[in-house]
């Protein structure tokens, strides 16, 4: 019975992780590769525009990395809970065996 609960918890964690990865991979790219048509490609304005786009991408990357670290922490926290539950299951199984022997 408890192994079923563990299996369900594992499946929930796996589905949640898959959902996060899918949502990160399906986001549209916001930055453009080149300057807008009204800008001269070799102008300082174009350079500044591309630099701003690069800064936006770096900020997005930082946000995503922060979210990934938070998810890793949550996973570790859940793994600790799973380990605790597994130890409780093992102790209960041992008690059942002892009672059966008595």
PDB file of N, CA and C in Angstrom:
ATOM      1  N   UNK A   1       0.828  -1.187   0.000  1.00  0.00           N
ATOM      2  CA  UNK A   1       0.000   0.000   0.000  1.00  0.00           C
ATOM      3  C   UNK A   1       0.875   1.254   0.000  1.00  0.00           C
ATOM      4  N   UNK A   2       1.915   1.250   0.847  1.00  0.00           N
ATOM      5  CA  UNK A   2       2.779   2.419   0.927  1.00  0.00           C
ATOM      6  C   UNK A   2       3.656   2.540  -0.309  1.00  0.00           C
ATOM      7  N   UNK A   3       3.964   1.409  -0.937  1.00  0.00           N
ATOM      8  CA  UNK A   3       4.743   1.461  -2.170  1.00  0.00           C
ATOM      9  C   UNK A   3       3.941   2.117  -3.280  1.00  0.00           C
ATOM     10  N   UNK A   4       2.641   1.949  -3.248  1.00  0.00           N
ATOM     11  CA  UNK A   4       1.769   2.608  -4.238  1.00  0.00           C
ATOM     12  C   UNK A   4       1.823   4.114  -4.018  1.00  0.00           C
ATOM     13  N   UNK A   5       1.793   4.543  -2.762  1.00  0.00           N
ATOM     14  CA  UNK A   5       1.881   5.976  -2.446  1.00  0.00           C
ATOM     15  C   UNK A   5       3.196   6.553  -2.922  1.00  0.00           C
ATOM     16  N   UNK A   6       4.289   5.820  -2.711  1.00  0.00           N
ATOM     17  CA  UNK A   6       5.597   6.258  -3.177  1.00  0.00           C
ATOM     18  C   UNK A   6       5.612   6.371  -4.697  1.00  0.00           C
ATOM     19  N   UNK A   7       5.032   5.397  -5.375  1.00  0.00           N
ATOM     20  CA  UNK A   7       4.979   5.409  -6.843  1.00  0.00           C
ATOM     21  C   UNK A   7       4.181   6.607  -7.337  1.00  0.00           C
ATOM     22  N   UNK A   8       3.065   6.893  -6.695  1.00  0.00           N
ATOM     23  CA  UNK A   8       2.240   8.036  -7.098  1.00  0.00           C
ATOM     24  C   UNK A   8       3.007   9.332  -6.881  1.00  0.00           C
ATOM     25  N   UNK A   9       3.689   9.466  -5.748  1.00  0.00           N
ATOM     26  CA  UNK A   9       4.488  10.657  -5.476  1.00  0.00           C
ATOM     27  C   UNK A   9       5.573  10.819  -6.526  1.00  0.00           C
ATOM     28  N   UNK A  10       6.238   9.740  -6.875  1.00  0.00           N
ATOM     29  CA  UNK A  10       7.286   9.789  -7.899  1.00  0.00           C
ATOM     30  C   UNK A  10       6.718  10.245  -9.241  1.00  0.00           C
ATOM     31  N   UNK A  11       5.557   9.725  -9.620  1.00  0.00           N
ATOM     32  CA  UNK A  11       4.940  10.109 -10.887  1.00  0.00           C
ATOM     33  C   UNK A  11       4.550  11.582 -10.889  1.00  0.00           C
ATOM     34  N   UNK A  12       4.048  12.069  -9.769  1.00  0.00           N
ATOM     35  CA  UNK A  12       3.687  13.486  -9.673  1.00  0.00           C
ATOM     36  C   UNK A  12       4.926  14.357  -9.859  1.00  0.00           C
ATOM     37  N   UNK A  13       6.018  13.997  -9.194  1.00  0.00           N
ATOM     38  CA  UNK A  13       7.265  14.754  -9.324  1.00  0.00           C
ATOM     39  C   UNK A  13       7.761  14.713 -10.766  1.00  0.00           C
ATOM     40  N   UNK A  14       7.708  13.546 -11.388  1.00  0.00           N
ATOM     41  CA  UNK A  14       8.175  13.414 -12.769  1.00  0.00           C
ATOM     42  C   UNK A  14       7.331  14.257 -13.720  1.00  0.00           C
ATOM     43  N   UNK A  15       6.019  14.225 -13.555  1.00  0.00           N
ATOM     44  CA  UNK A  15       5.144  15.020 -14.423  1.00  0.00           C
ATOM     45  C   UNK A  15       5.367  16.508 -14.218  1.00  0.00           C
ATOM     46  N   UNK A  16       5.546  16.925 -12.968  1.00  0.00           N
ATOM     47  CA  UNK A  16       5.791  18.333 -12.682  1.00  0.00           C
ATOM     48  C   UNK A  16       7.097  18.784 -13.334  1.00  0.00           C
ATOM     49  N   UNK A  17       8.146  17.969 -13.212  1.00  0.00           N
ATOM     50  CA  UNK A  17       9.435  18.305 -13.818  1.00  0.00           C
ATOM     51  C   UNK A  17       9.321  18.374 -15.334  1.00  0.00           C
ATOM     52  N   UNK A  18       8.614  17.421 -15.941  1.00  0.00           N
ATOM     53  CA  UNK A  18       8.428  17.421 -17.387  1.00  0.00           C
ATOM     54  C   UNK A  18       7.685  18.675 -17.825  1.00  0.00           C
ATOM     55  N   UNK A  19       6.672  19.077 -17.076  1.00  0.00           N
ATOM     56  CA  UNK A  19       5.910  20.287 -17.406  1.00  0.00           C
ATOM     57  C   UNK A  19       6.778  21.528 -17.383  1.00  0.00           C
ATOM     58  N   UNK A  20       7.683  21.622 -16.393  1.00  0.00           N
ATOM     59  CA  UNK A  20       8.573  22.774 -16.327  1.00  0.00           C
ATOM     60  C   UNK A  20       9.523  22.809 -17.513  1.00  0.00           C
ATOM     61  N   UNK A  21      10.117  21.670 -17.826  1.00  0.00           N
ATOM     62  CA  UNK A  21      11.029  21.623 -18.959  1.00  0.00           C
ATOM     63  C   UNK A  21      10.305  21.961 -20.259  1.00  0.00           C
ATOM     64  N   UNK A  22       9.098  21.448 -20.432  1.00  0.00           N
ATOM     65  CA  UNK A  22       8.334  21.722 -21.642  1.00  0.00           C
ATOM     66  C   UNK A  22       8.007  23.204 -21.751  1.00  0.00           C
ATOM     67  N   UNK A  23       7.621  23.838 -20.636  1.00  0.00           N
ATOM     68  CA  UNK A  23       7.250  25.250 -20.692  1.00  0.00           C
ATOM     69  C   UNK A  23       8.468  26.115 -21.000  1.00  0.00           C
ATOM     70  N   UNK A  24       9.659  25.739 -20.502  1.00  0.00           N
ATOM     71  CA  UNK A  24      10.862  26.515 -20.810  1.00  0.00           C
ATOM     72  C   UNK A  24      11.254  26.359 -22.278  1.00  0.00           C
ATOM     73  N   UNK A  25      11.057  25.186 -22.843  1.00  0.00           N
ATOM     74  CA  UNK A  25      11.464  24.927 -24.218  1.00  0.00           C
ATOM     75  C   UNK A  25      10.488  25.478 -25.253  1.00  0.00           C
ATOM     76  N   UNK A  26       9.283  25.817 -24.865  1.00  0.00           N
ATOM     77  CA  UNK A  26       8.295  26.282 -25.831  1.00  0.00           C
ATOM     78  C   UNK A  26       8.090  27.794 -25.793  1.00  0.00           C
ATOM     79  N   UNK A  27       8.865  28.494 -25.000  1.00  0.00           N
ATOM     80  CA  UNK A  27       8.736  29.947 -24.952  1.00  0.00           C
ATOM     81  C   UNK A  27       9.299  30.559 -26.233  1.00  0.00           C
ATOM     82  N   UNK A  28       8.630  31.592 -26.767  1.00  0.00           N
ATOM     83  CA  UNK A  28       9.117  32.213 -27.990  1.00  0.00           C
ATOM     84  C   UNK A  28      10.372  33.052 -27.722  1.00  0.00           C
ATOM     85  N   UNK A  29      11.203  33.163 -28.716  1.00  0.00           N
ATOM     86  CA  UNK A  29      12.381  34.008 -28.630  1.00  0.00           C
ATOM     87  C   UNK A  29      11.929  35.445 -28.850  1.00  0.00           C
ATOM     88  N   UNK A  30      12.246  36.333 -27.911  1.00  0.00           N
ATOM     89  CA  UNK A  30      11.764  37.701 -27.969  1.00  0.00           C
ATOM     90  C   UNK A  30      12.745  38.595 -28.737  1.00  0.00           C
ATOM     91  N   UNK A  31      14.024  38.341 -28.582  1.00  0.00           N
ATOM     92  CA  UNK A  31      15.025  39.199 -29.219  1.00  0.00           C
ATOM     93  C   UNK A  31      15.126  38.925 -30.707  1.00  0.00           C
ATOM     94  N   UNK A  32      15.487  39.977 -31.440  1.00  0.00           N
ATOM     95  CA  UNK A  32      15.711  39.819 -32.873  1.00  0.00           C
ATOM     96  C   UNK A  32      17.193  39.575 -33.119  1.00  0.00           C
ATOM     97  N   UNK A  33      17.507  38.965 -34.252  1.00  0.00           N
ATOM     98  CA  UNK A  33      18.899  38.697 -34.586  1.00  0.00           C
ATOM     99  C   UNK A  33      19.564  39.940 -35.157  1.00  0.00           C
ATOM    100  N   UNK A  34      18.802  40.760 -35.833  1.00  0.00           N
ATOM    101  CA  UNK A  34      19.369  41.956 -36.441  1.00  0.00           C
ATOM    102  C   UNK A  34      18.600  43.186 -35.983  1.00  0.00           C
ATOM    103  N   UNK A  35      19.108  44.334 -36.348  1.00  0.00           N
ATOM    104  CA  UNK A  35      18.458  45.591 -35.993  1.00  0.00           C
ATOM    105  C   UNK A  35      17.173  45.767 -36.801  1.00  0.00           C
ATOM    106  N   UNK A  36      16.272  46.616 -36.311  1.00  0.00           N
ATOM    107  CA  UNK A  36      15.057  46.897 -37.079  1.00  0.00           C
ATOM    108  C   UNK A  36      15.404  47.503 -38.442  1.00  0.00           C
ATOM    109  N   UNK A  37      14.511  47.375 -39.410  1.00  0.00           N
ATOM    110  CA  UNK A  37      14.803  47.837 -40.780  1.00  0.00           C
ATOM    111  C   UNK A  37      15.157  49.318 -40.891  1.00  0.00           C
ATOM    112  N   UNK A  38      14.622  50.134 -39.987  1.00  0.00           N
ATOM    113  CA  UNK A  38      14.887  51.571 -40.100  1.00  0.00           C
ATOM    114  C   UNK A  38      16.278  51.973 -39.607  1.00  0.00           C
ATOM    115  N   UNK A  39      17.048  51.048 -39.039  1.00  0.00           N
ATOM    116  CA  UNK A  39      18.391  51.355 -38.530  1.00  0.00           C
ATOM    117  C   UNK A  39      19.455  50.897 -39.508  1.00  0.00           C
ATOM    118  N   UNK A  40      20.487  51.704 -39.617  1.00  0.00           N
ATOM    119  CA  UNK A  40      21.655  51.332 -40.422  1.00  0.00           C
ATOM    120  C   UNK A  40      22.399  50.228 -39.666  1.00  0.00           C
ATOM    121  N   UNK A  41      22.656  49.081 -40.303  1.00  0.00           N
ATOM    122  CA  UNK A  41      23.280  47.949 -39.600  1.00  0.00           C
ATOM    123  C   UNK A  41      24.656  48.237 -39.004  1.00  0.00           C
ATOM    124  N   UNK A  42      25.352  49.238 -39.510  1.00  0.00           N
ATOM    125  CA  UNK A  42      26.687  49.548 -38.983  1.00  0.00           C
ATOM    126  C   UNK A  42      26.686  50.783 -38.095  1.00  0.00           C
ATOM    127  N   UNK A  43      25.516  51.276 -37.729  1.00  0.00           N
ATOM    128  CA  UNK A  43      25.429  52.495 -36.917  1.00  0.00           C
ATOM    129  C   UNK A  43      25.596  52.187 -35.430  1.00  0.00           C
ATOM    130  N   UNK A  44      25.890  53.250 -34.683  1.00  0.00           N
ATOM    131  CA  UNK A  44      26.004  53.116 -33.240  1.00  0.00           C
ATOM    132  C   UNK A  44      24.641  52.790 -32.631  1.00  0.00           C
ATOM    133  N   UNK A  45      23.564  53.326 -33.238  1.00  0.00           N
ATOM    134  CA  UNK A  45      22.211  53.043 -32.740  1.00  0.00           C
ATOM    135  C   UNK A  45      21.907  51.549 -32.848  1.00  0.00           C
ATOM    136  N   UNK A  46      22.314  50.936 -33.945  1.00  0.00           N
ATOM    137  CA  UNK A  46      22.108  49.496 -34.126  1.00  0.00           C
ATOM    138  C   UNK A  46      22.918  48.715 -33.094  1.00  0.00           C
ATOM    139  N   UNK A  47      24.152  49.136 -32.891  1.00  0.00           N
ATOM    140  CA  UNK A  47      25.004  48.485 -31.894  1.00  0.00           C
ATOM    141  C   UNK A  47      24.358  48.582 -30.513  1.00  0.00           C
ATOM    142  N   UNK A  48      23.873  49.766 -30.159  1.00  0.00           N
ATOM    143  CA  UNK A  48      23.225  49.960 -28.858  1.00  0.00           C
ATOM    144  C   UNK A  48      21.964  49.108 -28.742  1.00  0.00           C
ATOM    145  N   UNK A  49      21.206  49.032 -29.834  1.00  0.00           N
ATOM    146  CA  UNK A  49      19.995  48.214 -29.838  1.00  0.00           C
ATOM    147  C   UNK A  49      20.341  46.751 -29.578  1.00  0.00           C
ATOM    148  N   UNK A  50      21.341  46.247 -30.280  1.00  0.00           N
ATOM    149  CA  UNK A  50      21.743  44.848 -30.103  1.00  0.00           C
ATOM    150  C   UNK A  50      22.288  44.606 -28.697  1.00  0.00           C
ATOM    151  N   UNK A  51      22.998  45.605 -28.158  1.00  0.00           N
ATOM    152  CA  UNK A  51      23.504  45.474 -26.793  1.00  0.00           C
ATOM    153  C   UNK A  51      22.350  45.395 -25.801  1.00  0.00           C
ATOM    154  N   UNK A  52      21.298  46.196 -26.002  1.00  0.00           N
ATOM    155  CA  UNK A  52      20.119  46.141 -25.131  1.00  0.00           C
ATOM    156  C   UNK A  52      19.424  44.785 -25.231  1.00  0.00           C
ATOM    157  N   UNK A  53      19.324  44.259 -26.448  1.00  0.00           N
ATOM    158  CA  UNK A  53      18.712  42.939 -26.635  1.00  0.00           C
ATOM    159  C   UNK A  53      19.527  41.862 -25.931  1.00  0.00           C
ATOM    160  N   UNK A  54      20.859  41.977 -26.019  1.00  0.00           N
ATOM    161  CA  UNK A  54      21.734  41.026 -25.326  1.00  0.00           C
ATOM    162  C   UNK A  54      21.516  41.108 -23.816  1.00  0.00           C
ATOM    163  N   UNK A  55      21.398  42.317 -23.291  1.00  0.00           N
ATOM    164  CA  UNK A  55      21.153  42.491 -21.852  1.00  0.00           C
ATOM    165  C   UNK A  55      19.820  41.869 -21.445  1.00  0.00           C
ATOM    166  N   UNK A  56      18.796  42.002 -22.298  1.00  0.00           N
ATOM    167  CA  UNK A  56      17.495  41.392 -22.015  1.00  0.00           C
ATOM    168  C   UNK A  56      17.622  39.868 -21.951  1.00  0.00           C
ATOM    169  N   UNK A  57      18.357  39.325 -22.907  1.00  0.00           N
ATOM    170  CA  UNK A  57      18.538  37.866 -22.946  1.00  0.00           C
ATOM    171  C   UNK A  57      19.296  37.390 -21.712  1.00  0.00           C
ATOM    172  N   UNK A  58      20.321  38.133 -21.312  1.00  0.00           N
ATOM    173  CA  UNK A  58      21.079  37.745 -20.120  1.00  0.00           C
ATOM    174  C   UNK A  58      20.200  37.813 -18.873  1.00  0.00           C
ATOM    175  N   UNK A  59      19.325  38.817 -18.806  1.00  0.00           N
ATOM    176  CA  UNK A  59      18.411  38.917 -17.667  1.00  0.00           C
ATOM    177  C   UNK A  59      17.446  37.736 -17.654  1.00  0.00           C
ATOM    178  N   UNK A  60      16.924  37.360 -18.827  1.00  0.00           N
ATOM    179  CA  UNK A  60      16.028  36.206 -18.917  1.00  0.00           C
ATOM    180  C   UNK A  60      16.767  34.933 -18.521  1.00  0.00           C
ATOM    181  N   UNK A  61      18.005  34.820 -18.956  1.00  0.00           N
ATOM    182  CA  UNK A  61      18.803  33.646 -18.619  1.00  0.00           C
ATOM    183  C   UNK A  61      19.008  33.571 -17.113  1.00  0.00           C
ATOM    184  N   UNK A  62      19.294  34.706 -16.482  1.00  0.00           N
ATOM    185  CA  UNK A  62      19.466  34.726 -15.034  1.00  0.00           C
ATOM    186  C   UNK A  62      18.197  34.302 -14.313  1.00  0.00           C
ATOM    187  N   UNK A  63      17.045  34.771 -14.804  1.00  0.00           N
ATOM    188  CA  UNK A  63      15.763  34.407 -14.197  1.00  0.00           C
ATOM    189  C   UNK A  63      15.513  32.906 -14.330  1.00  0.00           C
ATOM    190  N   UNK A  64      15.777  32.368 -15.498  1.00  0.00           N
ATOM    191  CA  UNK A  64      15.569  30.933 -15.724  1.00  0.00           C
ATOM    192  C   UNK A  64      16.514  30.115 -14.855  1.00  0.00           C
ATOM    193  N   UNK A  65      17.774  30.543 -14.746  1.00  0.00           N
ATOM    194  CA  UNK A  65      18.718  29.811 -13.905  1.00  0.00           C
ATOM    195  C   UNK A  65      18.285  29.846 -12.444  1.00  0.00           C
ATOM    196  N   UNK A  66      17.751  30.983 -12.001  1.00  0.00           N
ATOM    197  CA  UNK A  66      17.258  31.084 -10.623  1.00  0.00           C
ATOM    198  C   UNK A  66      16.095  30.118 -10.405  1.00  0.00           C
ATOM    199  N   UNK A  67      15.170  30.053 -11.373  1.00  0.00           N
ATOM    200  CA  UNK A  67      14.037  29.132 -11.260  1.00  0.00           C
ATOM    201  C   UNK A  67      14.506  27.682 -11.237  1.00  0.00           C
ATOM    202  N   UNK A  68      15.506  27.372 -12.054  1.00  0.00           N
ATOM    203  CA  UNK A  68      16.038  25.999 -12.076  1.00  0.00           C
ATOM    204  C   UNK A  68      16.668  25.642 -10.729  1.00  0.00           C
ATOM    205  N   UNK A  69      17.391  26.577 -10.133  1.00  0.00           N
ATOM    206  CA  UNK A  69      17.983  26.318  -8.820  1.00  0.00           C
ATOM    207  C   UNK A  69      16.896  26.102  -7.772  1.00  0.00           C
ATOM    208  N   UNK A  70      15.817  26.889  -7.858  1.00  0.00           N
ATOM    209  CA  UNK A  70      14.700  26.705  -6.925  1.00  0.00           C
ATOM    210  C   UNK A  70      14.073  25.326  -7.102  1.00  0.00           C
ATOM    211  N   UNK A  71      13.935  24.885  -8.352  1.00  0.00           N
ATOM    212  CA  UNK A  71      13.365  23.565  -8.611  1.00  0.00           C
ATOM    213  C   UNK A  71      14.297  22.469  -8.120  1.00  0.00           C
ATOM    214  N   UNK A  72      15.602  22.654  -8.284  1.00  0.00           N
ATOM    215  CA  UNK A  72      16.550  21.667  -7.773  1.00  0.00           C
ATOM    216  C   UNK A  72      16.433  21.569  -6.260  1.00  0.00           C
ATOM    217  N   UNK A  73      16.279  22.709  -5.593  1.00  0.00           N
ATOM    218  CA  UNK A  73      16.114  22.698  -4.136  1.00  0.00           C
ATOM    219  C   UNK A  73      14.838  21.959  -3.749  1.00  0.00           C
ATOM    220  N   UNK A  74      13.750  22.230  -4.469  1.00  0.00           N
ATOM    221  CA  UNK A  74      12.481  21.547  -4.182  1.00  0.00           C
ATOM    222  C   UNK A  74      12.639  20.044  -4.375  1.00  0.00           C
ATOM    223  N   UNK A  75      13.343  19.658  -5.422  1.00  0.00           N
ATOM    224  CA  UNK A  75      13.555  18.239  -5.691  1.00  0.00           C
ATOM    225  C   UNK A  75      14.346  17.603  -4.561  1.00  0.00           C
ATOM    226  N   UNK A  76      15.384  18.287  -4.092  1.00  0.00           N
ATOM    227  CA  UNK A  76      16.171  17.758  -2.983  1.00  0.00           C
ATOM    228  C   UNK A  76      15.308  17.643  -1.728  1.00  0.00           C
ATOM    229  N   UNK A  77      14.472  18.638  -1.495  1.00  0.00           N
ATOM    230  CA  UNK A  77      13.582  18.602  -0.337  1.00  0.00           C
ATOM    231  C   UNK A  77      12.629  17.413  -0.443  1.00  0.00           C
ATOM    232  N   UNK A  78      12.072  17.207  -1.642  1.00  0.00           N
ATOM    233  CA  UNK A  78      11.175  16.064  -1.846  1.00  0.00           C
ATOM    234  C   UNK A  78      11.925  14.749  -1.704  1.00  0.00           C
ATOM    235  N   UNK A  79      13.170  14.710  -2.172  1.00  0.00           N
ATOM    236  CA  UNK A  79      13.959  13.488  -2.046  1.00  0.00           C
ATOM    237  C   UNK A  79      14.184  13.162  -0.575  1.00  0.00           C
ATOM    238  N   UNK A  80      14.412  14.176   0.235  1.00  0.00           N
ATOM    239  CA  UNK A  80      14.560  13.960   1.679  1.00  0.00           C
ATOM    240  C   UNK A  80      13.296  13.379   2.278  1.00  0.00           C
ATOM    241  N   UNK A  81      12.145  13.890   1.857  1.00  0.00           N
ATOM    242  CA  UNK A  81      10.872  13.364   2.345  1.00  0.00           C
ATOM    243  C   UNK A  81      10.674  11.922   1.899  1.00  0.00           C
ATOM    244  N   UNK A  82      11.031  11.641   0.669  1.00  0.00           N
ATOM    245  CA  UNK A  82      10.916  10.275   0.147  1.00  0.00           C
ATOM    246  C   UNK A  82      11.811   9.330   0.947  1.00  0.00           C
ATOM    247  N   UNK A  83      13.031   9.771   1.224  1.00  0.00           N
ATOM    248  CA  UNK A  83      13.945   8.936   2.016  1.00  0.00           C
ATOM    249  C   UNK A  83      13.377   8.673   3.408  1.00  0.00           C
ATOM    250  N   UNK A  84      12.797   9.697   4.014  1.00  0.00           N
ATOM    251  CA  UNK A  84      12.196   9.529   5.340  1.00  0.00           C
ATOM    252  C   UNK A  84      11.039   8.539   5.276  1.00  0.00           C
ATOM    253  N   UNK A  85      10.171   8.689   4.272  1.00  0.00           N
ATOM    254  CA  UNK A  85       9.027   7.779   4.124  1.00  0.00           C
ATOM    255  C   UNK A  85       9.513   6.353   3.899  1.00  0.00           C
ATOM    256  N   UNK A  86      10.543   6.197   3.084  1.00  0.00           N
ATOM    257  CA  UNK A  86      11.093   4.858   2.846  1.00  0.00           C
ATOM    258  C   UNK A  86      11.631   4.244   4.130  1.00  0.00           C
ATOM    259  N   UNK A  87      12.276   5.048   4.962  1.00  0.00           N
ATOM    260  CA  UNK A  87      12.789   4.500   6.222  1.00  0.00           C
ATOM    261  C   UNK A  87      11.629   4.114   7.143  1.00  0.00           C
ATOM    262  N   UNK A  88      10.560   4.907   7.132  1.00  0.00           N
ATOM    263  CA  UNK A  88       9.381   4.569   7.929  1.00  0.00           C
ATOM    264  C   UNK A  88       8.750   3.268   7.434  1.00  0.00           C
ATOM    265  N   UNK A  89       8.703   3.093   6.134  1.00  0.00           N
ATOM    266  CA  UNK A  89       8.153   1.859   5.556  1.00  0.00           C
ATOM    267  C   UNK A  89       9.001   0.662   5.980  1.00  0.00           C
ATOM    268  N   UNK A  90      10.321   0.829   5.900  1.00  0.00           N
ATOM    269  CA  UNK A  90      11.211  -0.275   6.277  1.00  0.00           C
ATOM    270  C   UNK A  90      11.034  -0.638   7.760  1.00  0.00           C
ATOM    271  N   UNK A  91      10.903   0.380   8.609  1.00  0.00           N
ATOM    272  CA  UNK A  91      10.705   0.108  10.030  1.00  0.00           C
ATOM    273  C   UNK A  91       9.380  -0.604  10.272  1.00  0.00           C
ATOM    274  N   UNK A  92       8.347  -0.159   9.598  1.00  0.00           N
ATOM    275  CA  UNK A  92       7.028  -0.788   9.753  1.00  0.00           C
ATOM    276  C   UNK A  92       7.057  -2.226   9.262  1.00  0.00           C
ATOM    277  N   UNK A  93       7.714  -2.467   8.135  1.00  0.00           N
ATOM    278  CA  UNK A  93       7.823  -3.833   7.613  1.00  0.00           C
ATOM    279  C   UNK A  93       8.567  -4.719   8.596  1.00  0.00           C
ATOM    280  N   UNK A  94       9.609  -4.169   9.227  1.00  0.00           N
ATOM    281  CA  UNK A  94      10.367  -4.938  10.218  1.00  0.00           C
ATOM    282  C   UNK A  94       9.482  -5.271  11.422  1.00  0.00           C
ATOM    283  N   UNK A  95       8.684  -4.306  11.871  1.00  0.00           N
ATOM    284  CA  UNK A  95       7.780  -4.546  12.996  1.00  0.00           C
ATOM    285  C   UNK A  95       6.741  -5.610  12.646  1.00  0.00           C
ATOM    286  N   UNK A  96       6.249  -5.576  11.407  1.00  0.00           N
ATOM    287  CA  UNK A  96       5.272  -6.585  10.963  1.00  0.00           C
ATOM    288  C   UNK A  96       5.907  -7.972  10.989  1.00  0.00           C
ATOM    289  N   UNK A  97       7.143  -8.091  10.501  1.00  0.00           N
ATOM    290  CA  UNK A  97       7.833  -9.380  10.505  1.00  0.00           C
ATOM    291  C   UNK A  97       8.018  -9.883  11.930  1.00  0.00           C
ATOM    292  N   UNK A  98       8.383  -8.987  12.834  1.00  0.00           N
ATOM    293  CA  UNK A  98       8.573  -9.396  14.228  1.00  0.00           C
ATOM    294  C   UNK A  98       7.251  -9.870  14.833  1.00  0.00           C
ATOM    295  N   UNK A  99       6.150  -9.172  14.541  1.00  0.00           N
ATOM    296  CA  UNK A  99       4.857  -9.570  15.060  1.00  0.00           C
ATOM    297  C   UNK A  99       4.422 -10.910  14.479  1.00  0.00           C
ATOM    298  N   UNK A 100       4.733 -11.144  13.212  1.00  0.00           N
ATOM    299  CA  UNK A 100       4.382 -12.422  12.596  1.00  0.00           C
ATOM    300  C   UNK A 100       5.152 -13.558  13.231  1.00  0.00           C
ATOM    301  N   UNK A 101       6.387 -13.308  13.583  1.00  0.00           N
ATOM    302  CA  UNK A 101       7.212 -14.339  14.213  1.00  0.00           C
ATOM    303  C   UNK A 101       6.672 -14.658  15.612  1.00  0.00           C
ATOM    304  N   UNK A 102       6.250 -13.608  16.329  1.00  0.00           N
ATOM    305  CA  UNK A 102       5.700 -13.833  17.675  1.00  0.00           C
ATOM    306  C   UNK A 102       4.407 -14.620  17.568  1.00  0.00           C
TER     307      UNK A 102
END
